[in-house]
């Protein structure tokens, strides 16, 4: 396992959704800042005529580091990101303004986080988050670009919630999520090794008998 783990790996390791505080922390302290940087990079790339930058965020492209930082990686060609791609992008529309680029990223970010709170839940079971957070995520996932919220509104909503809820630092949360993945990996490795030894012993006993 490398220096970074993806959000997808975090969810796979724990086998359950992110909880509300985890989503608020990620959204406010890290994902928002990185998303803003991505919007700026995408807009400059489009203005320079280089439209090959990936505008889609997904659970597999959000990287968490053991030092508490966060980064995005480029879309993998074999990764299915259709569910996280804004409708206007799927329809082949090219962003003609910075606002349009921002709305594309907002959609991907919202869908990525909603995937995290809905992970492995039965189809008939609602997500276990507050109406406030669900409303924010749904406004980010709005199909119509003009009705979709913007990054500034997301930031303001998160800051108000953060002040009222006294959330832990995002860096601490990210470190904990990464540690959980490593811990799960080590535990699985020990279990698999023990299972292999047990199978060898059983095989040896069968030969002897």
Protein backbone atom coordinates (compact mmCIF):
# COMPACT_ATOMS: atom_id res chain seq x y z
CA UNK A 1 0.00 0.00 0.00
CA UNK A 2 1.35 3.41 -0.95
CA UNK A 3 1.55 6.73 0.88
CA UNK A 4 -2.06 7.54 0.02
CA UNK A 5 -5.29 5.59 0.29
CA UNK A 6 -8.43 6.44 -1.63
CA UNK A 7 -11.85 7.20 -0.20
CA UNK A 8 -13.03 4.01 -1.89
CA UNK A 9 -10.40 2.01 0.01
CA UNK A 10 -11.44 3.65 3.29
CA UNK A 11 -15.05 2.58 2.78
CA UNK A 12 -14.06 -0.89 1.63
CA UNK A 13 -11.88 -1.39 4.71
CA UNK A 14 -14.55 -0.32 7.20
CA UNK A 15 -17.49 -1.87 5.35
CA UNK A 16 -19.85 0.89 6.42
CA UNK A 17 -20.65 4.50 5.47
CA UNK A 18 -18.86 7.61 6.69
CA UNK A 19 -20.68 9.24 9.57
CA UNK A 20 -21.97 12.80 9.61
CA UNK A 21 -19.03 14.47 11.37
CA UNK A 22 -16.58 12.77 9.02
CA UNK A 23 -18.40 14.16 5.99
CA UNK A 24 -18.63 17.69 7.41
CA UNK A 25 -14.91 17.68 8.26
CA UNK A 26 -13.85 16.43 4.84
CA UNK A 27 -16.17 18.81 3.06
CA UNK A 28 -15.14 21.91 4.95
CA UNK A 29 -11.46 21.61 5.64
CA UNK A 30 -10.05 19.63 2.77
CA UNK A 31 -12.31 18.77 -0.13
CA UNK A 32 -13.55 22.34 -0.47
CA UNK A 33 -10.05 23.80 -0.70
CA UNK A 34 -8.84 21.15 -3.13
CA UNK A 35 -12.01 21.50 -5.21
CA UNK A 36 -11.43 25.25 -5.49
CA UNK A 37 -7.87 24.59 -6.68
CA UNK A 38 -9.19 22.07 -9.21
CA UNK A 39 -11.74 24.55 -10.58
CA UNK A 40 -9.00 27.14 -11.08
CA UNK A 41 -6.72 24.64 -12.83
CA UNK A 42 -9.52 23.38 -15.08
CA UNK A 43 -10.58 26.89 -16.04
CA UNK A 44 -7.03 27.92 -16.95
CA UNK A 45 -6.61 24.69 -18.93
CA UNK A 46 -9.78 25.37 -20.90
CA UNK A 47 -8.75 28.97 -21.62
CA UNK A 48 -5.39 27.74 -22.90
CA UNK A 49 -7.13 25.22 -25.13
CA UNK A 50 -6.09 22.14 -23.15
CA UNK A 51 -9.35 20.40 -22.42
CA UNK A 52 -7.96 17.03 -21.46
CA UNK A 53 -7.88 17.58 -17.69
CA UNK A 54 -10.20 15.35 -15.70
CA UNK A 55 -13.12 17.30 -14.25
CA UNK A 56 -14.64 14.34 -12.40
CA UNK A 57 -14.04 13.58 -8.73
CA UNK A 58 -14.89 10.11 -7.48
CA UNK A 59 -14.24 7.91 -4.42
CA UNK A 60 -11.33 6.40 -6.34
CA UNK A 61 -9.71 9.74 -7.15
CA UNK A 62 -9.78 11.33 -3.68
CA UNK A 63 -6.49 10.49 -1.96
CA UNK A 64 -6.01 10.65 1.82
CA UNK A 65 -2.53 10.73 3.35
CA UNK A 66 -1.25 9.46 6.69
CA UNK A 67 -0.02 13.00 7.46
CA UNK A 68 -3.57 14.35 7.29
CA UNK A 69 -3.42 15.91 3.85
CA UNK A 70 -5.62 15.31 0.84
CA UNK A 71 -5.06 15.26 -2.91
CA UNK A 72 -6.83 14.36 -6.14
CA UNK A 73 -5.51 12.00 -8.79
CA UNK A 74 -6.39 11.95 -12.48
CA UNK A 75 -9.26 9.78 -13.62
CA UNK A 76 -8.16 6.25 -14.34
CA UNK A 77 -9.21 5.08 -17.78
CA UNK A 78 -10.59 1.84 -16.40
CA UNK A 79 -12.56 3.55 -13.62
CA UNK A 80 -16.30 3.94 -14.12
CA UNK A 81 -17.01 7.55 -13.15
CA UNK A 82 -20.29 8.04 -15.02
CA UNK A 83 -22.27 8.21 -11.75
CA UNK A 84 -20.06 11.07 -10.55
CA UNK A 85 -20.03 13.02 -13.83
CA UNK A 86 -22.25 16.09 -14.16
CA UNK A 87 -25.18 15.62 -16.60
CA UNK A 88 -24.03 18.50 -18.80
CA UNK A 89 -20.63 16.83 -19.21
CA UNK A 90 -22.26 13.51 -20.12
CA UNK A 91 -24.30 15.38 -22.73
CA UNK A 92 -21.10 16.66 -24.32
CA UNK A 93 -21.40 20.32 -23.30
CA UNK A 94 -18.13 22.23 -22.93
CA UNK A 95 -17.82 24.62 -19.99
CA UNK A 96 -17.83 28.20 -21.29
CA UNK A 97 -17.23 29.97 -17.97
CA UNK A 98 -15.51 29.50 -14.64
CA UNK A 99 -18.94 29.14 -13.01
CA UNK A 100 -19.79 26.26 -15.35
CA UNK A 101 -16.51 24.53 -14.45
CA UNK A 102 -17.26 25.05 -10.76
CA UNK A 103 -20.72 23.50 -11.11
CA UNK A 104 -19.19 20.43 -12.77
CA UNK A 105 -16.82 19.93 -9.84
CA UNK A 106 -19.58 20.61 -7.28
CA UNK A 107 -21.67 17.83 -8.80
CA UNK A 108 -18.82 15.31 -8.65
CA UNK A 109 -17.97 16.30 -5.08
CA UNK A 110 -21.59 15.99 -3.97
CA UNK A 111 -22.06 12.60 -5.62
CA UNK A 112 -18.78 11.34 -4.15
CA UNK A 113 -19.78 12.30 -0.61
CA UNK A 114 -23.32 10.97 -1.02
CA UNK A 115 -21.81 7.67 -2.14
CA UNK A 116 -19.78 7.67 1.08
CA UNK A 117 -22.85 8.10 3.33
CA UNK A 118 -24.89 5.57 1.32
CA UNK A 119 -22.17 2.92 1.17
CA UNK A 120 -23.49 -0.65 1.58
CA UNK A 121 -26.86 0.51 2.93
CA UNK A 122 -29.89 -1.61 1.93
CA UNK A 123 -31.96 -0.03 -0.85
CA UNK A 124 -34.89 0.55 1.50
CA UNK A 125 -32.77 2.12 4.27
CA UNK A 126 -32.31 5.92 4.24
CA UNK A 127 -28.91 7.49 4.80
CA UNK A 128 -28.06 8.12 8.45
CA UNK A 129 -27.35 11.84 8.25
CA UNK A 130 -29.15 15.01 9.27
CA UNK A 131 -31.63 16.78 7.01
CA UNK A 132 -29.19 19.70 6.89
CA UNK A 133 -26.33 17.64 5.47
CA UNK A 134 -28.54 15.63 3.13
CA UNK A 135 -30.09 18.84 1.82
CA UNK A 136 -26.64 20.28 1.13
CA UNK A 137 -25.46 17.15 -0.67
CA UNK A 138 -28.64 16.94 -2.75
CA UNK A 139 -28.29 20.60 -3.76
CA UNK A 140 -24.77 19.77 -4.96
CA UNK A 141 -26.10 16.82 -6.96
CA UNK A 142 -28.85 18.79 -8.71
CA UNK A 143 -29.16 17.66 -12.35
CA UNK A 144 -29.91 21.16 -13.63
CA UNK A 145 -26.71 23.21 -13.54
CA UNK A 146 -28.52 26.51 -12.92
CA UNK A 147 -30.22 25.08 -9.82
CA UNK A 148 -27.05 23.45 -8.49
CA UNK A 149 -25.39 25.16 -5.52
CA UNK A 150 -21.94 26.74 -5.81
CA UNK A 151 -18.73 26.27 -3.82
CA UNK A 152 -19.15 29.50 -1.85
CA UNK A 153 -22.56 28.40 -0.57
CA UNK A 154 -21.08 25.03 0.36
CA UNK A 155 -18.29 26.76 2.29
CA UNK A 156 -20.63 29.12 4.15
CA UNK A 157 -22.95 26.26 5.14
CA UNK A 158 -20.02 24.17 6.36
CA UNK A 159 -18.49 27.03 8.36
CA UNK A 160 -21.78 27.70 10.15
CA UNK A 161 -22.15 24.01 11.00
CA UNK A 162 -18.53 23.73 12.09
CA UNK A 163 -18.86 26.64 14.53
CA UNK A 164 -22.06 25.23 16.00
CA UNK A 165 -20.86 21.63 16.30
CA UNK A 166 -17.21 21.97 17.41
CA UNK A 167 -15.96 19.38 14.95
CA UNK A 168 -12.46 17.87 15.29
CA UNK A 169 -9.69 19.08 12.95
CA UNK A 170 -9.97 17.54 9.49
CA UNK A 171 -6.29 16.56 9.55
CA UNK A 172 -6.86 14.38 12.61
CA UNK A 173 -9.88 12.75 10.96
CA UNK A 174 -7.97 12.01 7.74
CA UNK A 175 -5.08 10.46 9.68
CA UNK A 176 -7.55 8.26 11.56
CA UNK A 177 -9.26 7.11 8.36
CA UNK A 178 -5.90 6.18 6.83
CA UNK A 179 -4.78 4.39 10.01
CA UNK A 180 -7.99 2.36 9.96
CA UNK A 181 -7.22 1.18 6.43
CA UNK A 182 -3.67 0.16 7.37
CA UNK A 183 -4.90 -1.57 10.52
CA UNK A 184 -7.48 -3.50 8.53
CA UNK A 185 -4.85 -4.44 5.96
CA UNK A 186 -2.48 -5.75 8.63
CA UNK A 187 -5.26 -7.69 10.36
CA UNK A 188 -6.31 -9.26 7.06
CA UNK A 189 -2.71 -10.17 6.32
CA UNK A 190 -2.27 -11.86 9.70
CA UNK A 191 -5.59 -13.70 9.27
CA UNK A 192 -4.68 -14.88 5.77
CA UNK A 193 -1.25 -16.05 6.92
CA UNK A 194 -2.77 -17.94 9.87
CA UNK A 195 -5.33 -19.52 7.55
CA UNK A 196 -2.57 -20.63 5.17
CA UNK A 197 -0.58 -22.21 8.01
CA UNK A 198 -3.70 -23.97 9.27
CA UNK A 199 -4.40 -25.37 5.80
CA UNK A 200 -0.81 -26.63 5.52
CA UNK A 201 -1.06 -28.33 8.92
CA UNK A 202 -4.36 -29.95 8.01
CA UNK A 203 -2.84 -31.16 4.75
CA UNK A 204 0.16 -32.62 6.58
CA UNK A 205 -2.11 -34.40 9.05
CA UNK A 206 -4.12 -35.89 6.20
CA UNK A 207 -0.93 -37.23 4.57
CA UNK A 208 0.34 -38.73 7.85
CA UNK A 209 -2.96 -40.42 8.59
